[in-house]
Amino acid sequence: MSVTGVVTALSSEARALGPATRRADGLAALGDGVLVAVGGMGCPAAGRAARALLDAGVSALVSWGLAGGLDPSLSAGTICLPSLVVSGEGARFPTDPAWRGILSAALGPTHLVVNGKLLTSACSIDSVDGKAAAYRASGAAAVDMESVSIAQVAAVRSLPFIAVRVIADTAVDALPRAVVSASREGTVRISRLLIGIASSPKDIVPLVRLALRYRAALRSLMAVARTGSLAFAAGAPGRLA
């Protein structure tokens, strides 16, 4: 039986996948042949998580979680199933077209789904100007900080790979300074976030707006999980050889 490995940066993103059983090796098992690794933010952490999943015997990899919007036409909650994952340094990794197609069809017309490119950035792009510059340079719909690393691990083993990323902060949203500071070490530290808010009360309004976008994005992630199509199916009709 094939096992799909899902890499996510944050525990909140992993919870959107549904109930899971914690294993002794630190991975979490879903009920449909899926193992989940919560690796933390950034490419080095994501690469380690992907390799841990390979050690556990997975035969396909998914980059899962939230993303920042680069295309100004896209709203929070938009599901990005990119055909290509790219980096600013020129790396390019295609995603599995048949797997992506099955998942897109399962979502149906009730959810906004975009394909195109997903950019992986080495650091957070937290300003509107920075997002605009990244969009001009890459043409990517959205940006994250992990997918290229996971794609690289999959490519080394010639394993199927897809990315499922949902836009949380849009192209017109600047990330408040408190959020950037709280996530500086690769995880979101609530204590640091609260300190940041206390020292910069003007961030409260954008934080509330970002929280609403974040909730919309998590609802979309849960909708993807509910399709039951996240696990790689080697024998699915229409699968490319």
Protein backbone atom coordinates (compact mmCIF):
# COMPACT_ATOMS: atom_id res chain seq x y z
CA MET A 1 0.00 0.00 0.00
CA SER A 2 1.38 3.42 -0.94
CA VAL A 3 1.71 6.01 1.81
CA THR A 4 1.59 9.75 1.17
CA GLY A 5 3.74 12.08 3.24
CA VAL A 6 2.51 15.59 4.00
CA VAL A 7 4.94 18.28 5.13
CA THR A 8 3.55 21.32 6.90
CA ALA A 9 5.25 24.14 8.75
CA LEU A 10 2.74 24.78 11.54
CA SER A 11 0.59 22.64 13.80
CA SER A 12 -2.48 24.73 12.93
CA GLU A 13 -2.01 23.79 9.26
CA ALA A 14 -1.66 20.12 10.20
CA ARG A 15 -4.88 20.22 12.23
CA ALA A 16 -6.76 21.24 9.08
CA LEU A 17 -6.04 17.74 7.76
CA GLY A 18 -8.30 16.21 10.40
CA PRO A 19 -7.86 13.87 13.39
CA ALA A 20 -4.48 12.16 13.54
CA THR A 21 -2.67 9.68 15.75
CA ARG A 22 0.75 10.67 17.06
CA ARG A 23 3.47 8.10 16.46
CA ALA A 24 6.59 7.36 18.47
CA ASP A 25 8.79 8.81 15.70
CA GLY A 26 7.09 12.22 15.98
CA LEU A 27 5.02 11.84 12.81
CA ALA A 28 1.23 11.83 12.81
CA ALA A 29 -0.90 9.25 10.99
CA LEU A 30 -4.23 10.03 9.39
CA GLY A 31 -6.78 7.32 8.75
CA ASP A 32 -6.36 7.18 4.96
CA GLY A 33 -2.74 6.18 4.43
CA VAL A 34 -1.26 9.63 5.05
CA LEU A 35 1.64 10.52 7.35
CA VAL A 36 2.15 14.12 8.47
CA ALA A 37 5.35 15.88 9.55
CA VAL A 38 5.20 19.33 11.14
CA GLY A 39 8.63 20.66 10.35
CA GLY A 40 8.61 24.37 11.10
CA MET A 41 9.01 27.34 8.77
CA GLY A 42 11.63 27.63 6.05
CA CYS A 43 13.36 25.34 3.57
CA PRO A 44 15.90 23.71 5.91
CA ALA A 45 13.14 22.64 8.32
CA ALA A 46 10.89 21.46 5.49
CA GLY A 47 13.71 19.42 3.95
CA ARG A 48 14.36 17.67 7.25
CA ALA A 49 10.66 16.89 7.64
CA ALA A 50 10.44 15.53 4.10
CA ARG A 51 13.43 13.25 4.66
CA ALA A 52 11.91 11.99 7.93
CA LEU A 53 8.81 11.01 5.97
CA LEU A 54 10.96 9.19 3.41
CA ASP A 55 12.65 7.30 6.24
CA ALA A 56 9.16 6.29 7.38
CA GLY A 57 8.46 4.77 3.97
CA VAL A 58 6.25 7.28 2.14
CA SER A 59 6.06 7.04 -1.64
CA ALA A 60 4.74 10.53 -2.47
CA LEU A 61 5.12 14.00 -0.94
CA VAL A 62 2.81 16.97 -0.43
CA SER A 63 3.71 20.52 0.58
CA TRP A 64 0.71 21.64 2.60
CA GLY A 65 -0.31 24.89 4.26
CA LEU A 66 -0.81 28.61 3.88
CA ALA A 67 0.80 31.04 1.47
CA GLY A 68 1.04 34.74 0.76
CA GLY A 69 -0.75 36.06 -2.29
CA LEU A 70 1.29 37.68 -5.06
CA ASP A 71 -1.33 37.94 -7.79
CA PRO A 72 -3.42 40.97 -6.74
CA SER A 73 -6.58 39.43 -8.21
CA LEU A 74 -6.60 36.55 -5.71
CA SER A 75 -8.45 36.70 -2.40
CA ALA A 76 -7.84 34.99 0.92
CA GLY A 77 -9.02 31.39 0.81
CA THR A 78 -7.98 30.83 -2.81
CA ILE A 79 -6.56 27.33 -3.22
CA CYS A 80 -3.29 27.18 -5.12
CA LEU A 81 -2.50 23.85 -6.78
CA PRO A 82 0.56 24.97 -8.74
CA SER A 83 1.79 23.20 -11.83
CA LEU A 84 5.28 24.51 -11.11
CA VAL A 85 7.19 25.36 -7.92
CA VAL A 86 10.04 27.83 -8.39
CA SER A 87 12.66 29.64 -6.36
CA GLY A 88 14.17 33.07 -6.77
CA GLU A 89 17.48 31.35 -7.54
CA GLY A 90 16.09 29.63 -10.62
CA ALA A 91 15.09 26.17 -9.33
CA ARG A 92 11.99 24.78 -11.09
CA PHE A 93 10.04 21.68 -10.08
CA PRO A 94 6.84 20.50 -11.80
CA THR A 95 4.09 18.94 -9.75
CA ASP A 96 2.36 15.68 -10.67
CA PRO A 97 -0.29 16.66 -13.25
CA ALA A 98 -2.64 13.71 -12.83
CA TRP A 99 -2.63 13.88 -9.03
CA ARG A 100 -3.22 17.62 -9.19
CA GLY A 101 -6.06 17.10 -11.64
CA ILE A 102 -7.79 14.54 -9.46
CA LEU A 103 -7.62 16.85 -6.46
CA SER A 104 -8.85 19.85 -8.46
CA ALA A 105 -11.79 17.86 -9.83
CA ALA A 106 -12.69 16.67 -6.33
CA LEU A 107 -12.89 20.27 -5.13
CA GLY A 108 -15.35 21.11 -7.91
CA PRO A 109 -16.64 24.52 -8.95
CA THR A 110 -17.56 25.70 -5.46
CA HIS A 111 -13.94 26.52 -4.57
CA LEU A 112 -11.62 28.99 -6.26
CA VAL A 113 -8.58 27.04 -7.48
CA VAL A 114 -5.60 28.45 -9.37
CA ASN A 115 -2.65 26.66 -10.94
CA GLY A 116 0.36 28.41 -12.47
CA LYS A 117 3.47 28.95 -10.38
CA LEU A 118 4.21 28.96 -6.66
CA LEU A 119 7.30 30.86 -5.53
CA THR A 120 9.37 29.70 -2.57
CA SER A 121 11.22 32.53 -0.85
CA ALA A 122 14.11 32.17 1.58
CA CYS A 123 12.54 34.81 3.81
CA SER A 124 9.12 36.21 4.54
CA ILE A 125 7.86 38.79 2.02
CA ASP A 126 5.98 41.02 4.41
CA SER A 127 5.42 44.27 2.49
CA VAL A 128 3.03 45.13 -0.33
CA ASP A 129 5.92 46.49 -2.39
CA GLY A 130 7.92 43.33 -1.81
CA LYS A 131 5.03 41.16 -2.97
CA ALA A 132 4.55 43.30 -6.06
CA ALA A 133 8.25 42.99 -6.92
CA ALA A 134 8.14 39.21 -6.44
CA TYR A 135 5.07 38.99 -8.67
CA ARG A 136 6.75 40.97 -11.44
CA ALA A 137 9.91 38.90 -11.24
CA SER A 138 8.33 35.44 -11.00
CA GLY A 139 4.76 35.65 -12.28
CA ALA A 140 3.81 33.34 -9.41
CA ALA A 141 0.32 33.36 -7.95
CA ALA A 142 1.54 32.92 -4.37
CA VAL A 143 4.63 32.55 -2.21
CA ASP A 144 5.65 30.24 0.61
CA MET A 145 8.92 29.36 2.35
CA GLU A 146 9.03 25.56 2.07
CA SER A 147 7.76 23.98 -1.16
CA VAL A 148 10.96 24.03 -3.23
CA SER A 149 12.81 22.13 -0.52
CA ILE A 150 10.13 19.42 -0.38
CA ALA A 151 10.07 19.23 -4.17
CA GLN A 152 13.86 18.75 -4.20
CA VAL A 153 13.62 15.82 -1.79
CA ALA A 154 10.89 14.24 -3.94
CA ALA A 155 12.91 14.77 -7.12
CA VAL A 156 16.00 13.03 -5.73
CA ARG A 157 13.90 9.89 -5.17
CA SER A 158 11.75 10.38 -8.32
CA LEU A 159 8.62 10.48 -6.16
CA PRO A 160 5.31 12.16 -7.09
CA PHE A 161 4.98 15.63 -5.59
CA ILE A 162 2.25 18.25 -5.33
CA ALA A 163 1.83 21.48 -3.39
CA VAL A 164 -1.45 22.51 -1.78
CA ARG A 165 -1.25 26.08 -0.60
CA VAL A 166 -4.07 28.44 0.38
CA ILE A 167 -3.69 32.20 0.30
CA ALA A 168 -3.94 33.80 3.75
CA ASP A 169 -2.40 37.27 3.42
CA THR A 170 -3.19 38.74 0.01
CA ALA A 171 -1.03 40.82 -2.31
CA VAL A 172 -2.44 44.01 -0.75
CA ASP A 173 -1.77 42.91 2.85
CA ALA A 174 1.40 43.96 4.64
CA LEU A 175 2.30 41.63 7.49
CA PRO A 176 2.26 43.53 10.81
CA ARG A 177 5.64 43.85 12.48
CA ALA A 178 4.39 41.81 15.45
CA VAL A 179 3.66 38.81 13.21
CA VAL A 180 7.05 38.97 11.51
CA SER A 181 8.83 39.17 14.85
CA ALA A 182 6.79 36.33 16.38
CA SER A 183 7.68 33.94 13.53
CA ARG A 184 11.35 34.82 13.25
CA GLU A 185 12.59 31.49 14.67
CA GLY A 186 10.55 29.31 12.31
CA THR A 187 7.51 28.89 14.55
CA VAL A 188 4.86 31.35 15.67
CA ARG A 189 5.56 32.26 19.31
CA ILE A 190 2.43 33.65 20.94
CA SER A 191 4.37 35.30 23.75
CA ARG A 192 6.48 37.25 21.25
CA LEU A 193 3.34 38.17 19.27
CA LEU A 194 1.69 39.61 22.39
CA ILE A 195 4.80 41.58 23.25
CA GLY A 196 4.86 42.93 19.71
CA ILE A 197 1.23 44.02 19.89
CA ALA A 198 1.82 45.75 23.22
CA SER A 199 4.76 47.69 21.79
CA SER A 200 2.95 48.59 18.56
CA PRO A 201 -0.80 49.10 19.20
CA LYS A 202 -1.31 50.37 15.63
CA ASP A 203 -0.83 46.77 14.49
CA ILE A 204 -4.10 45.69 16.13
CA VAL A 205 -6.38 46.60 13.20
CA PRO A 206 -4.25 44.87 10.52
CA LEU A 207 -3.87 41.90 12.86
CA VAL A 208 -7.65 41.55 13.13
CA ARG A 209 -7.95 41.77 9.34
CA LEU A 210 -5.20 39.18 8.94
CA ALA A 211 -6.92 36.89 11.45
CA LEU A 212 -10.10 36.94 9.36
CA ARG A 213 -8.11 36.08 6.24
CA TYR A 214 -6.32 33.32 8.14
CA ARG A 215 -9.65 31.78 9.15
CA ALA A 216 -10.86 31.85 5.55
CA ALA A 217 -7.65 30.14 4.46
CA LEU A 218 -7.94 27.42 7.10
CA ARG A 219 -11.52 26.73 5.99
CA SER A 220 -10.25 26.20 2.45
CA LEU A 221 -7.49 23.87 3.69
CA MET A 222 -10.09 21.84 5.55
CA ALA A 223 -12.21 21.70 2.40
CA VAL A 224 -9.27 20.19 0.51
CA ALA A 225 -8.77 17.60 3.26
CA ARG A 226 -12.47 16.68 3.22
CA THR A 227 -12.32 15.67 -0.46
CA GLY A 228 -10.45 12.53 0.58
CA SER A 229 -8.27 12.94 -2.52
CA LEU A 230 -5.05 14.08 -0.89
CA ALA A 231 -3.50 10.61 -0.76
CA PHE A 232 -1.56 9.63 -3.88
CA ALA A 233 -3.35 6.89 -5.83
CA ALA A 234 -0.94 5.15 -8.19
CA GLY A 235 -3.69 3.26 -9.97
CA ALA A 236 -6.16 6.11 -10.36
CA PRO A 237 -7.84 6.35 -13.79
CA GLY A 238 -6.06 8.78 -16.07
CA ARG A 239 -2.80 8.69 -14.13
CA LEU A 240 0.23 9.38 -16.22
CA ALA A 241 2.91 6.72 -16.32
